[in-house]
Amino acid sequence: MPPPPSQLDLANLPDADVVRLAQEGRETAFRELVRRYERPVFSLVFRMVRDRETAEDLSQDAFIKVLNHIDKYSPEFKFSSWLFKIANNVAIDWMRRKRLDTVSMDGSPHATTAAEVEATTFDLAAQQESALDEMEARELGSAIERAIAKLRPEYRACIMLRHVEGRSYEEIATTLDLPLGTVKTYIHRARHELRRTLEHLRQ
């Protein structure tokens, strides 16, 4: 029987191979999957629940669900889509239980650290030429965050997967278990609401 692969060896393997080893009970393989996806999962969940401590707990819950159901994963789907679907469902379930007010424009109820902002804000992809430019960009990023917080959970999930995670419409449909047409409709409506909210904030 070949020796178990080290963490260094696993880092060079594609997701499908690492998942297969995790399904065989290799603990190092599951740790590698967590290493690869803990940041994007936290980012996704944090944007949904708007609280760092809660997002950390829910992200952990998501990975526990992945571990407990890793044997049910089918390689015909991308592992990342399957994982994000579980994380999204965990966040949605929590939001429904807590009955979060998705219409409030008050923003996050807790202050965020610079590291949290870096982990979750949009990449504006613009070179800042002055301190004023940088300040304006941060204000825009904060406005976008508040606008996202206003969206219905379904719209929010679609927008984040599309524009933050860079997922295709087809991947989003698989991740959220929605018809492709519904995903496109949600994204269209979410963009419309974001534009309307940002225009209101600029007034």
N, C-alpha and C. Protein backbone atom coordinates (compact mmCIF):
# COMPACT_ATOMS: atom_id res chain seq x y z
N MET A 1 0.85 -1.20 0.00
CA MET A 1 0.00 0.00 0.00
C MET A 1 0.88 1.25 0.00
N PRO A 2 0.66 2.17 -0.93
CA PRO A 2 1.52 3.36 -1.00
C PRO A 2 1.35 4.23 0.24
N PRO A 3 2.41 4.94 0.63
CA PRO A 3 2.31 5.81 1.80
C PRO A 3 1.35 6.96 1.53
N PRO A 4 0.71 7.48 2.57
CA PRO A 4 -0.22 8.60 2.37
C PRO A 4 0.50 9.82 1.87
N PRO A 5 -0.10 10.58 0.94
CA PRO A 5 0.57 11.76 0.39
C PRO A 5 0.71 12.84 1.45
N SER A 6 1.81 13.58 1.37
CA SER A 6 2.02 14.68 2.30
C SER A 6 1.19 15.88 1.86
N GLN A 7 1.11 16.89 2.75
CA GLN A 7 0.37 18.10 2.41
C GLN A 7 0.99 18.78 1.22
N LEU A 8 2.33 18.70 1.11
CA LEU A 8 3.03 19.31 -0.02
C LEU A 8 2.65 18.62 -1.32
N ASP A 9 2.58 17.29 -1.29
CA ASP A 9 2.19 16.55 -2.49
C ASP A 9 0.75 16.88 -2.90
N LEU A 10 -0.13 16.99 -1.91
CA LEU A 10 -1.54 17.27 -2.19
C LEU A 10 -1.73 18.63 -2.82
N ALA A 11 -0.90 19.59 -2.47
CA ALA A 11 -1.04 20.95 -2.98
C ALA A 11 -0.93 21.00 -4.49
N ASN A 12 -0.28 20.00 -5.08
CA ASN A 12 -0.09 19.99 -6.53
C ASN A 12 -1.15 19.18 -7.27
N LEU A 13 -2.08 18.60 -6.53
CA LEU A 13 -3.11 17.78 -7.16
C LEU A 13 -4.35 18.60 -7.46
N PRO A 14 -5.10 18.26 -8.52
CA PRO A 14 -6.38 18.93 -8.78
C PRO A 14 -7.41 18.55 -7.73
N ASP A 15 -8.46 19.35 -7.63
CA ASP A 15 -9.51 19.10 -6.63
C ASP A 15 -10.04 17.68 -6.69
N ALA A 16 -10.28 17.18 -7.90
CA ALA A 16 -10.91 15.86 -8.05
C ALA A 16 -10.09 14.77 -7.37
N ASP A 17 -8.77 14.86 -7.51
CA ASP A 17 -7.91 13.84 -6.89
C ASP A 17 -7.87 13.98 -5.38
N VAL A 18 -7.85 15.22 -4.91
CA VAL A 18 -7.83 15.45 -3.46
C VAL A 18 -9.14 14.98 -2.84
N VAL A 19 -10.26 15.25 -3.51
CA VAL A 19 -11.56 14.80 -3.00
C VAL A 19 -11.61 13.28 -2.94
N ARG A 20 -11.09 12.64 -3.97
CA ARG A 20 -11.09 11.17 -3.99
C ARG A 20 -10.32 10.62 -2.79
N LEU A 21 -9.18 11.23 -2.47
CA LEU A 21 -8.40 10.79 -1.31
C LEU A 21 -9.16 11.07 -0.01
N ALA A 22 -9.87 12.21 0.03
CA ALA A 22 -10.67 12.52 1.21
C ALA A 22 -11.78 11.50 1.38
N GLN A 23 -12.37 11.06 0.28
CA GLN A 23 -13.42 10.05 0.34
C GLN A 23 -12.89 8.71 0.83
N GLU A 24 -11.58 8.50 0.65
CA GLU A 24 -10.95 7.28 1.15
C GLU A 24 -10.59 7.39 2.62
N GLY A 25 -10.87 8.55 3.22
CA GLY A 25 -10.60 8.72 4.63
C GLY A 25 -9.26 9.36 4.95
N ARG A 26 -8.60 9.93 3.94
CA ARG A 26 -7.31 10.58 4.19
C ARG A 26 -7.55 11.95 4.82
N GLU A 27 -7.21 12.09 6.08
CA GLU A 27 -7.43 13.35 6.80
C GLU A 27 -6.64 14.50 6.18
N THR A 28 -5.43 14.21 5.71
CA THR A 28 -4.61 15.27 5.11
C THR A 28 -5.27 15.82 3.86
N ALA A 29 -6.01 14.99 3.14
CA ALA A 29 -6.68 15.43 1.93
C ALA A 29 -7.81 16.41 2.27
N PHE A 30 -8.57 16.10 3.31
CA PHE A 30 -9.64 17.01 3.70
C PHE A 30 -9.06 18.33 4.19
N ARG A 31 -7.95 18.28 4.94
CA ARG A 31 -7.31 19.51 5.40
C ARG A 31 -6.86 20.36 4.22
N GLU A 32 -6.44 19.70 3.15
CA GLU A 32 -6.03 20.44 1.96
C GLU A 32 -7.22 21.13 1.31
N LEU A 33 -8.36 20.48 1.29
CA LEU A 33 -9.56 21.11 0.74
C LEU A 33 -9.97 22.32 1.57
N VAL A 34 -9.87 22.19 2.88
CA VAL A 34 -10.17 23.33 3.75
C VAL A 34 -9.20 24.47 3.47
N ARG A 35 -7.92 24.14 3.34
CA ARG A 35 -6.92 25.18 3.07
C ARG A 35 -7.24 25.93 1.79
N ARG A 36 -7.67 25.21 0.77
CA ARG A 36 -7.95 25.83 -0.52
C ARG A 36 -9.19 26.72 -0.49
N TYR A 37 -10.17 26.34 0.31
CA TYR A 37 -11.46 27.00 0.19
C TYR A 37 -11.95 27.72 1.45
N GLU A 38 -11.18 27.72 2.53
CA GLU A 38 -11.68 28.36 3.74
C GLU A 38 -11.87 29.86 3.56
N ARG A 39 -10.99 30.52 2.82
CA ARG A 39 -11.13 31.96 2.63
C ARG A 39 -12.33 32.30 1.74
N PRO A 40 -12.49 31.69 0.55
CA PRO A 40 -13.66 32.02 -0.26
C PRO A 40 -14.98 31.63 0.40
N VAL A 41 -15.00 30.53 1.16
CA VAL A 41 -16.23 30.16 1.87
C VAL A 41 -16.56 31.19 2.93
N PHE A 42 -15.56 31.61 3.69
CA PHE A 42 -15.79 32.65 4.69
C PHE A 42 -16.29 33.93 4.03
N SER A 43 -15.67 34.31 2.91
CA SER A 43 -16.07 35.52 2.21
C SER A 43 -17.53 35.45 1.78
N LEU A 44 -17.92 34.31 1.23
CA LEU A 44 -19.30 34.13 0.79
C LEU A 44 -20.27 34.23 1.96
N VAL A 45 -19.97 33.52 3.04
CA VAL A 45 -20.87 33.50 4.19
C VAL A 45 -20.89 34.85 4.89
N PHE A 46 -19.73 35.49 5.00
CA PHE A 46 -19.68 36.79 5.68
C PHE A 46 -20.54 37.81 4.95
N ARG A 47 -20.52 37.81 3.65
CA ARG A 47 -21.35 38.74 2.88
C ARG A 47 -22.83 38.47 3.09
N MET A 48 -23.16 37.23 3.39
CA MET A 48 -24.56 36.90 3.60
C MET A 48 -25.04 37.32 4.99
N VAL A 49 -24.23 37.05 6.02
CA VAL A 49 -24.71 37.24 7.39
C VAL A 49 -24.22 38.53 8.03
N ARG A 50 -23.16 39.15 7.46
CA ARG A 50 -22.69 40.46 7.89
C ARG A 50 -22.18 40.49 9.33
N ASP A 51 -21.63 39.38 9.79
CA ASP A 51 -21.07 39.34 11.14
C ASP A 51 -19.92 38.34 11.13
N ARG A 52 -18.75 38.78 11.59
CA ARG A 52 -17.55 37.96 11.50
C ARG A 52 -17.65 36.66 12.31
N GLU A 53 -18.04 36.79 13.56
CA GLU A 53 -18.09 35.61 14.43
C GLU A 53 -19.09 34.59 13.90
N THR A 54 -20.25 35.09 13.48
CA THR A 54 -21.26 34.19 12.91
C THR A 54 -20.76 33.53 11.64
N ALA A 55 -20.09 34.31 10.80
CA ALA A 55 -19.56 33.77 9.54
C ALA A 55 -18.52 32.69 9.80
N GLU A 56 -17.69 32.89 10.81
CA GLU A 56 -16.70 31.87 11.14
C GLU A 56 -17.38 30.58 11.60
N ASP A 57 -18.40 30.72 12.44
CA ASP A 57 -19.13 29.54 12.93
C ASP A 57 -19.83 28.81 11.79
N LEU A 58 -20.49 29.58 10.92
CA LEU A 58 -21.23 28.97 9.82
C LEU A 58 -20.29 28.34 8.80
N SER A 59 -19.14 28.96 8.57
CA SER A 59 -18.16 28.38 7.65
C SER A 59 -17.67 27.04 8.18
N GLN A 60 -17.43 26.99 9.49
CA GLN A 60 -17.03 25.73 10.11
C GLN A 60 -18.13 24.69 9.97
N ASP A 61 -19.39 25.11 10.17
CA ASP A 61 -20.52 24.20 10.00
C ASP A 61 -20.57 23.65 8.58
N ALA A 62 -20.29 24.53 7.61
CA ALA A 62 -20.32 24.10 6.21
C ALA A 62 -19.27 23.03 5.95
N PHE A 63 -18.07 23.23 6.46
CA PHE A 63 -17.01 22.24 6.24
C PHE A 63 -17.31 20.93 6.98
N ILE A 64 -17.95 21.02 8.13
CA ILE A 64 -18.36 19.80 8.83
C ILE A 64 -19.36 19.02 7.99
N LYS A 65 -20.31 19.74 7.37
CA LYS A 65 -21.28 19.09 6.49
C LYS A 65 -20.58 18.44 5.30
N VAL A 66 -19.59 19.15 4.76
CA VAL A 66 -18.83 18.59 3.64
C VAL A 66 -18.14 17.30 4.07
N LEU A 67 -17.50 17.32 5.24
CA LEU A 67 -16.81 16.13 5.73
C LEU A 67 -17.78 14.98 5.93
N ASN A 68 -18.94 15.27 6.51
CA ASN A 68 -19.91 14.22 6.81
C ASN A 68 -20.58 13.64 5.56
N HIS A 69 -20.55 14.43 4.47
CA HIS A 69 -21.23 13.98 3.25
C HIS A 69 -20.28 13.87 2.06
N ILE A 70 -18.99 13.82 2.33
CA ILE A 70 -18.02 13.77 1.24
C ILE A 70 -18.21 12.54 0.37
N ASP A 71 -18.72 11.47 0.97
CA ASP A 71 -18.95 10.24 0.20
C ASP A 71 -20.07 10.40 -0.80
N LYS A 72 -20.94 11.42 -0.61
CA LYS A 72 -22.07 11.64 -1.52
C LYS A 72 -21.72 12.58 -2.67
N TYR A 73 -20.51 13.16 -2.62
CA TYR A 73 -20.12 14.06 -3.70
C TYR A 73 -19.92 13.27 -4.99
N SER A 74 -20.46 13.81 -6.08
CA SER A 74 -20.32 13.17 -7.39
C SER A 74 -19.34 13.98 -8.24
N PRO A 75 -18.31 13.33 -8.79
CA PRO A 75 -17.30 14.05 -9.58
C PRO A 75 -17.82 14.65 -10.87
N GLU A 76 -19.07 14.37 -11.23
CA GLU A 76 -19.62 14.99 -12.44
C GLU A 76 -19.83 16.49 -12.24
N PHE A 77 -19.85 16.93 -10.98
CA PHE A 77 -19.96 18.35 -10.66
C PHE A 77 -18.62 18.87 -10.14
N LYS A 78 -18.38 20.16 -10.34
CA LYS A 78 -17.18 20.76 -9.77
C LYS A 78 -17.29 20.74 -8.26
N PHE A 79 -16.19 20.39 -7.60
CA PHE A 79 -16.22 20.35 -6.14
C PHE A 79 -16.54 21.72 -5.56
N SER A 80 -15.98 22.77 -6.15
CA SER A 80 -16.21 24.11 -5.62
C SER A 80 -17.70 24.47 -5.68
N SER A 81 -18.39 24.07 -6.74
CA SER A 81 -19.82 24.35 -6.84
C SER A 81 -20.60 23.62 -5.76
N TRP A 82 -20.23 22.37 -5.53
CA TRP A 82 -20.88 21.57 -4.48
C TRP A 82 -20.63 22.19 -3.12
N LEU A 83 -19.40 22.61 -2.86
CA LEU A 83 -19.04 23.21 -1.59
C LEU A 83 -19.77 24.53 -1.36
N PHE A 84 -19.79 25.40 -2.38
CA PHE A 84 -20.47 26.69 -2.24
C PHE A 84 -21.97 26.51 -2.05
N LYS A 85 -22.52 25.48 -2.65
CA LYS A 85 -23.95 25.21 -2.46
C LYS A 85 -24.23 24.90 -1.00
N ILE A 86 -23.39 24.08 -0.38
CA ILE A 86 -23.55 23.75 1.03
C ILE A 86 -23.39 24.99 1.89
N ALA A 87 -22.35 25.79 1.62
CA ALA A 87 -22.10 27.01 2.40
C ALA A 87 -23.25 27.99 2.26
N ASN A 88 -23.75 28.15 1.04
CA ASN A 88 -24.87 29.06 0.82
C ASN A 88 -26.11 28.60 1.57
N ASN A 89 -26.38 27.29 1.53
CA ASN A 89 -27.56 26.77 2.23
C ASN A 89 -27.44 26.97 3.74
N VAL A 90 -26.23 26.79 4.27
CA VAL A 90 -26.02 27.00 5.70
C VAL A 90 -26.32 28.45 6.07
N ALA A 91 -25.83 29.39 5.24
CA ALA A 91 -26.06 30.81 5.50
C ALA A 91 -27.53 31.18 5.36
N ILE A 92 -28.18 30.68 4.32
CA ILE A 92 -29.60 30.97 4.09
C ILE A 92 -30.44 30.43 5.24
N ASP A 93 -30.14 29.22 5.68
CA ASP A 93 -30.90 28.63 6.78
C ASP A 93 -30.76 29.48 8.04
N TRP A 94 -29.54 29.95 8.31
CA TRP A 94 -29.32 30.79 9.49
C TRP A 94 -30.10 32.10 9.37
N MET A 95 -30.07 32.70 8.19
CA MET A 95 -30.77 33.96 7.98
C MET A 95 -32.28 33.79 8.14
N ARG A 96 -32.79 32.70 7.67
CA ARG A 96 -34.23 32.46 7.82
C ARG A 96 -34.60 32.26 9.28
N ARG A 97 -33.73 31.57 10.01
CA ARG A 97 -34.02 31.35 11.43
C ARG A 97 -34.00 32.67 12.19
N LYS A 98 -33.05 33.50 11.84
CA LYS A 98 -32.90 34.78 12.54
C LYS A 98 -33.81 35.86 11.97
N ARG A 99 -34.41 35.57 10.81
CA ARG A 99 -35.31 36.53 10.16
C ARG A 99 -34.64 37.90 10.02
N LEU A 100 -33.47 37.86 9.39
CA LEU A 100 -32.74 39.11 9.21
C LEU A 100 -33.53 40.09 8.36
N ASP A 101 -33.41 41.36 8.68
CA ASP A 101 -34.08 42.42 7.93
C ASP A 101 -33.25 42.74 6.70
N THR A 102 -33.65 42.23 5.54
CA THR A 102 -32.88 42.43 4.33
C THR A 102 -33.19 43.76 3.64
N VAL A 103 -34.06 44.56 4.24
CA VAL A 103 -34.41 45.85 3.64
C VAL A 103 -33.66 46.99 4.32
N SER A 104 -33.14 46.75 5.53
CA SER A 104 -32.47 47.81 6.28
C SER A 104 -31.23 48.28 5.55
N MET A 105 -31.01 49.59 5.58
CA MET A 105 -29.81 50.17 4.98
C MET A 105 -28.79 50.57 6.04
N ASP A 106 -28.92 50.01 7.24
CA ASP A 106 -28.03 50.40 8.33
C ASP A 106 -26.64 49.80 8.18
N GLY A 107 -26.50 48.83 7.27
CA GLY A 107 -25.19 48.22 7.09
C GLY A 107 -24.95 47.16 8.14
N SER A 108 -23.68 46.74 8.26
CA SER A 108 -23.30 45.72 9.22
C SER A 108 -23.47 46.23 10.63
N PRO A 109 -24.05 45.41 11.54
CA PRO A 109 -24.24 45.86 12.91
C PRO A 109 -22.96 45.87 13.72
N HIS A 110 -21.89 45.30 13.17
CA HIS A 110 -20.63 45.25 13.89
C HIS A 110 -19.54 45.89 13.04
N ALA A 111 -18.63 46.57 13.68
CA ALA A 111 -17.50 47.16 12.96
C ALA A 111 -16.62 46.04 12.42
N THR A 112 -16.04 46.25 11.26
CA THR A 112 -15.17 45.26 10.66
C THR A 112 -13.74 45.74 10.69
N THR A 113 -12.83 44.79 10.76
CA THR A 113 -11.42 45.13 10.76
C THR A 113 -10.94 45.30 9.34
N ALA A 114 -9.73 45.83 9.19
CA ALA A 114 -9.16 46.03 7.86
C ALA A 114 -9.01 44.70 7.14
N ALA A 115 -8.65 43.64 7.89
CA ALA A 115 -8.48 42.32 7.27
C ALA A 115 -9.80 41.80 6.74
N GLU A 116 -10.90 42.04 7.47
CA GLU A 116 -12.21 41.58 7.02
C GLU A 116 -12.63 42.32 5.76
N VAL A 117 -12.38 43.63 5.74
CA VAL A 117 -12.73 44.42 4.56
C VAL A 117 -11.96 43.91 3.35
N GLU A 118 -10.67 43.65 3.56
CA GLU A 118 -9.84 43.15 2.46
C GLU A 118 -10.35 41.82 1.95
N ALA A 119 -10.87 40.99 2.86
CA ALA A 119 -11.32 39.65 2.47
C ALA A 119 -12.65 39.67 1.76
N THR A 120 -13.43 40.74 1.89
CA THR A 120 -14.80 40.69 1.39
C THR A 120 -15.18 41.81 0.43
N THR A 121 -14.40 42.86 0.31
CA THR A 121 -14.80 43.96 -0.55
C THR A 121 -14.54 43.65 -2.01
N PHE A 122 -15.26 44.35 -2.89
CA PHE A 122 -15.04 44.21 -4.32
C PHE A 122 -13.65 44.68 -4.70
N ASP A 123 -13.06 44.03 -5.67
CA ASP A 123 -11.80 44.50 -6.23
C ASP A 123 -12.12 45.53 -7.28
N LEU A 124 -11.81 46.79 -7.02
CA LEU A 124 -12.14 47.86 -7.95
C LEU A 124 -11.21 47.89 -9.15
N ALA A 125 -10.08 47.16 -9.05
CA ALA A 125 -9.15 47.02 -10.16
C ALA A 125 -8.71 48.36 -10.73
N ALA A 126 -8.52 49.33 -9.87
CA ALA A 126 -8.11 50.66 -10.33
C ALA A 126 -6.86 51.09 -9.57
N GLN A 127 -5.90 51.66 -10.25
CA GLN A 127 -4.71 52.19 -9.61
C GLN A 127 -5.03 53.54 -9.01
N GLN A 128 -4.81 53.67 -7.70
CA GLN A 128 -5.12 54.92 -7.04
C GLN A 128 -3.95 55.89 -7.21
N GLU A 129 -4.23 57.13 -7.61
CA GLU A 129 -3.19 58.10 -7.88
C GLU A 129 -2.98 59.07 -6.73
N SER A 130 -3.88 59.09 -5.76
CA SER A 130 -3.73 60.02 -4.65
C SER A 130 -4.50 59.50 -3.46
N ALA A 131 -4.24 60.11 -2.28
CA ALA A 131 -4.96 59.71 -1.08
C ALA A 131 -6.46 59.96 -1.24
N LEU A 132 -6.83 61.03 -1.95
CA LEU A 132 -8.24 61.33 -2.18
C LEU A 132 -8.89 60.25 -3.01
N ASP A 133 -8.18 59.80 -4.06
CA ASP A 133 -8.72 58.73 -4.90
C ASP A 133 -8.96 57.47 -4.06
N GLU A 134 -7.99 57.16 -3.20
CA GLU A 134 -8.10 55.96 -2.38
C GLU A 134 -9.28 56.08 -1.42
N MET A 135 -9.47 57.25 -0.84
CA MET A 135 -10.58 57.46 0.08
C MET A 135 -11.91 57.31 -0.65
N GLU A 136 -12.01 57.88 -1.85
CA GLU A 136 -13.24 57.78 -2.62
C GLU A 136 -13.53 56.33 -2.99
N ALA A 137 -12.47 55.59 -3.32
CA ALA A 137 -12.66 54.18 -3.68
C ALA A 137 -13.16 53.38 -2.48
N ARG A 138 -12.62 53.67 -1.30
CA ARG A 138 -13.07 52.97 -0.10
C ARG A 138 -14.53 53.32 0.22
N GLU A 139 -14.88 54.58 0.02
CA GLU A 139 -16.27 54.98 0.25
C GLU A 139 -17.21 54.27 -0.71
N LEU A 140 -16.77 54.13 -1.97
CA LEU A 140 -17.57 53.41 -2.96
C LEU A 140 -17.71 51.95 -2.56
N GLY A 141 -16.60 51.34 -2.11
CA GLY A 141 -16.65 49.95 -1.69
C GLY A 141 -17.60 49.76 -0.52
N SER A 142 -17.59 50.71 0.42
CA SER A 142 -18.50 50.64 1.57
C SER A 142 -19.95 50.78 1.11
N ALA A 143 -20.18 51.67 0.14
CA ALA A 143 -21.54 51.85 -0.38
C ALA A 143 -22.03 50.58 -1.06
N ILE A 144 -21.13 49.92 -1.79
CA ILE A 144 -21.50 48.67 -2.46
C ILE A 144 -21.85 47.61 -1.43
N GLU A 145 -21.06 47.55 -0.36
CA GLU A 145 -21.33 46.58 0.70
C GLU A 145 -22.71 46.81 1.30
N ARG A 146 -23.05 48.07 1.55
CA ARG A 146 -24.36 48.38 2.13
C ARG A 146 -25.48 48.03 1.15
N ALA A 147 -25.22 48.27 -0.13
CA ALA A 147 -26.23 47.94 -1.14
C ALA A 147 -26.44 46.44 -1.23
N ILE A 148 -25.36 45.67 -1.15
CA ILE A 148 -25.46 44.21 -1.18
C ILE A 148 -26.25 43.71 0.03
N ALA A 149 -26.01 44.34 1.19
CA ALA A 149 -26.69 43.92 2.41
C ALA A 149 -28.19 44.11 2.31
N LYS A 150 -28.63 45.00 1.44
CA LYS A 150 -30.06 45.28 1.28
C LYS A 150 -30.76 44.22 0.44
N LEU A 151 -30.02 43.51 -0.39
CA LEU A 151 -30.62 42.56 -1.32
C LEU A 151 -31.28 41.39 -0.60
N ARG A 152 -32.29 40.83 -1.25
CA ARG A 152 -32.85 39.57 -0.78
C ARG A 152 -31.74 38.52 -0.77
N PRO A 153 -31.78 37.55 0.15
CA PRO A 153 -30.72 36.53 0.21
C PRO A 153 -30.47 35.83 -1.12
N GLU A 154 -31.53 35.54 -1.87
CA GLU A 154 -31.37 34.84 -3.14
C GLU A 154 -30.60 35.70 -4.14
N TYR A 155 -30.94 37.00 -4.20
CA TYR A 155 -30.24 37.90 -5.10
C TYR A 155 -28.79 38.07 -4.66
N ARG A 156 -28.61 38.19 -3.35
CA ARG A 156 -27.28 38.42 -2.81
C ARG A 156 -26.35 37.25 -3.15
N ALA A 157 -26.85 36.04 -3.00
CA ALA A 157 -26.04 34.86 -3.30
C ALA A 157 -25.63 34.84 -4.77
N CYS A 158 -26.57 35.15 -5.66
CA CYS A 158 -26.26 35.14 -7.09
C CYS A 158 -25.23 36.21 -7.46
N ILE A 159 -25.41 37.41 -6.91
CA ILE A 159 -24.48 38.50 -7.22
C ILE A 159 -23.08 38.18 -6.72
N MET A 160 -22.98 37.63 -5.52
CA MET A 160 -21.67 37.31 -4.97
C MET A 160 -20.97 36.23 -5.76
N LEU A 161 -21.70 35.19 -6.13
CA LEU A 161 -21.08 34.12 -6.89
C LEU A 161 -20.66 34.60 -8.28
N ARG A 162 -21.44 35.52 -8.84
CA ARG A 162 -21.13 36.01 -10.18
C ARG A 162 -19.98 37.01 -10.17
N HIS A 163 -20.05 38.01 -9.31
CA HIS A 163 -19.11 39.12 -9.38
C HIS A 163 -17.97 39.07 -8.38
N VAL A 164 -18.13 38.29 -7.32
CA VAL A 164 -17.05 38.14 -6.34
C VAL A 164 -16.26 36.86 -6.60
N GLU A 165 -16.98 35.75 -6.80
CA GLU A 165 -16.31 34.48 -7.05
C GLU A 165 -16.03 34.24 -8.52
N GLY A 166 -16.65 35.05 -9.40
CA GLY A 166 -16.39 34.91 -10.83
C GLY A 166 -17.00 33.67 -11.45
N ARG A 167 -18.09 33.19 -10.89
CA ARG A 167 -18.71 31.97 -11.40
C ARG A 167 -19.56 32.25 -12.64
N SER A 168 -19.64 31.26 -13.51
CA SER A 168 -20.49 31.38 -14.70
C SER A 168 -21.95 31.20 -14.27
N TYR A 169 -22.87 31.61 -15.15
CA TYR A 169 -24.29 31.43 -14.86
C TYR A 169 -24.61 29.96 -14.62
N GLU A 170 -24.00 29.09 -15.43
CA GLU A 170 -24.25 27.66 -15.28
C GLU A 170 -23.77 27.14 -13.93
N GLU A 171 -22.60 27.61 -13.49
CA GLU A 171 -22.08 27.18 -12.19
C GLU A 171 -22.96 27.67 -11.05
N ILE A 172 -23.45 28.90 -11.19
CA ILE A 172 -24.33 29.45 -10.15
C ILE A 172 -25.61 28.63 -10.07
N ALA A 173 -26.16 28.27 -11.23
CA ALA A 173 -27.38 27.47 -11.25
C ALA A 173 -27.16 26.13 -10.54
N THR A 174 -26.00 25.53 -10.78
CA THR A 174 -25.67 24.26 -10.13
C THR A 174 -25.47 24.46 -8.64
N THR A 175 -24.74 25.51 -8.28
CA THR A 175 -24.44 25.77 -6.87
C THR A 175 -25.69 26.02 -6.05
N LEU A 176 -26.59 26.83 -6.59
CA LEU A 176 -27.79 27.21 -5.86
C LEU A 176 -28.99 26.32 -6.15
N ASP A 177 -28.79 25.35 -7.05
CA ASP A 177 -29.86 24.43 -7.42
C ASP A 177 -31.07 25.20 -7.95
N LEU A 178 -30.79 26.10 -8.90
CA LEU A 178 -31.82 26.93 -9.51
C LEU A 178 -31.80 26.74 -11.02
N PRO A 179 -32.93 26.94 -11.70
CA PRO A 179 -32.92 26.94 -13.16
C PRO A 179 -32.05 28.07 -13.68
N LEU A 180 -31.43 27.86 -14.83
CA LEU A 180 -30.54 28.86 -15.40
C LEU A 180 -31.26 30.18 -15.63
N GLY A 181 -32.49 30.11 -16.12
CA GLY A 181 -33.26 31.33 -16.36
C GLY A 181 -33.53 32.11 -15.08
N THR A 182 -33.74 31.38 -13.98
CA THR A 182 -33.98 32.04 -12.70
C THR A 182 -32.73 32.77 -12.23
N VAL A 183 -31.57 32.14 -12.42
CA VAL A 183 -30.30 32.78 -12.04
C VAL A 183 -30.12 34.09 -12.81
N LYS A 184 -30.36 34.06 -14.10
CA LYS A 184 -30.21 35.27 -14.92
C LYS A 184 -31.19 36.35 -14.47
N THR A 185 -32.40 35.95 -14.15
CA THR A 185 -33.41 36.91 -13.68
C THR A 185 -32.98 37.53 -12.35
N TYR A 186 -32.52 36.70 -11.43
CA TYR A 186 -32.08 37.20 -10.12
C TYR A 186 -30.93 38.18 -10.26
N ILE A 187 -29.97 37.85 -11.12
CA ILE A 187 -28.81 38.73 -11.29
C ILE A 187 -29.23 40.04 -11.94
N HIS A 188 -30.12 39.96 -12.92
CA HIS A 188 -30.63 41.18 -13.56
C HIS A 188 -31.33 42.07 -12.54
N ARG A 189 -32.20 41.48 -11.73
CA ARG A 189 -32.93 42.26 -10.74
C ARG A 189 -31.98 42.80 -9.65
N ALA A 190 -31.00 41.99 -9.27
CA ALA A 190 -30.05 42.43 -8.25
C ALA A 190 -29.24 43.62 -8.74
N ARG A 191 -28.79 43.56 -9.99
CA ARG A 191 -28.04 44.68 -10.56
C ARG A 191 -28.90 45.95 -10.58
N HIS A 192 -30.16 45.78 -10.95
CA HIS A 192 -31.07 46.93 -10.99
C HIS A 192 -31.22 47.54 -9.60
N GLU A 193 -31.39 46.69 -8.60
CA GLU A 193 -31.55 47.18 -7.24
C GLU A 193 -30.26 47.83 -6.74
N LEU A 194 -29.11 47.26 -7.10
CA LEU A 194 -27.84 47.85 -6.68
C LEU A 194 -27.65 49.24 -7.29
N ARG A 195 -27.95 49.35 -8.58
CA ARG A 195 -27.83 50.66 -9.24
C ARG A 195 -28.75 51.68 -8.58
N ARG A 196 -29.98 51.26 -8.32
CA ARG A 196 -30.95 52.18 -7.70
C ARG A 196 -30.49 52.59 -6.31
N THR A 197 -29.98 51.65 -5.54
CA THR A 197 -29.52 51.96 -4.19
C THR A 197 -28.31 52.88 -4.21
N LEU A 198 -27.35 52.61 -5.11
CA LEU A 198 -26.16 53.44 -5.18
C LEU A 198 -26.49 54.85 -5.65
N GLU A 199 -27.44 54.97 -6.57
CA GLU A 199 -27.86 56.30 -7.00
C GLU A 199 -28.49 57.06 -5.84
N HIS A 200 -29.26 56.34 -5.01
CA HIS A 200 -29.88 56.98 -3.84
C HIS A 200 -28.82 57.44 -2.85
N LEU A 201 -27.78 56.62 -2.66
CA LEU A 201 -26.72 56.95 -1.70
C LEU A 201 -25.91 58.16 -2.15
N ARG A 202 -25.83 58.37 -3.46
CA ARG A 202 -25.04 59.51 -3.98
C ARG A 202 -25.79 60.83 -3.85
N GLN A 203 -27.09 60.76 -3.65
CA GLN A 203 -27.90 62.00 -3.59
C GLN A 203 -27.67 62.74 -2.29
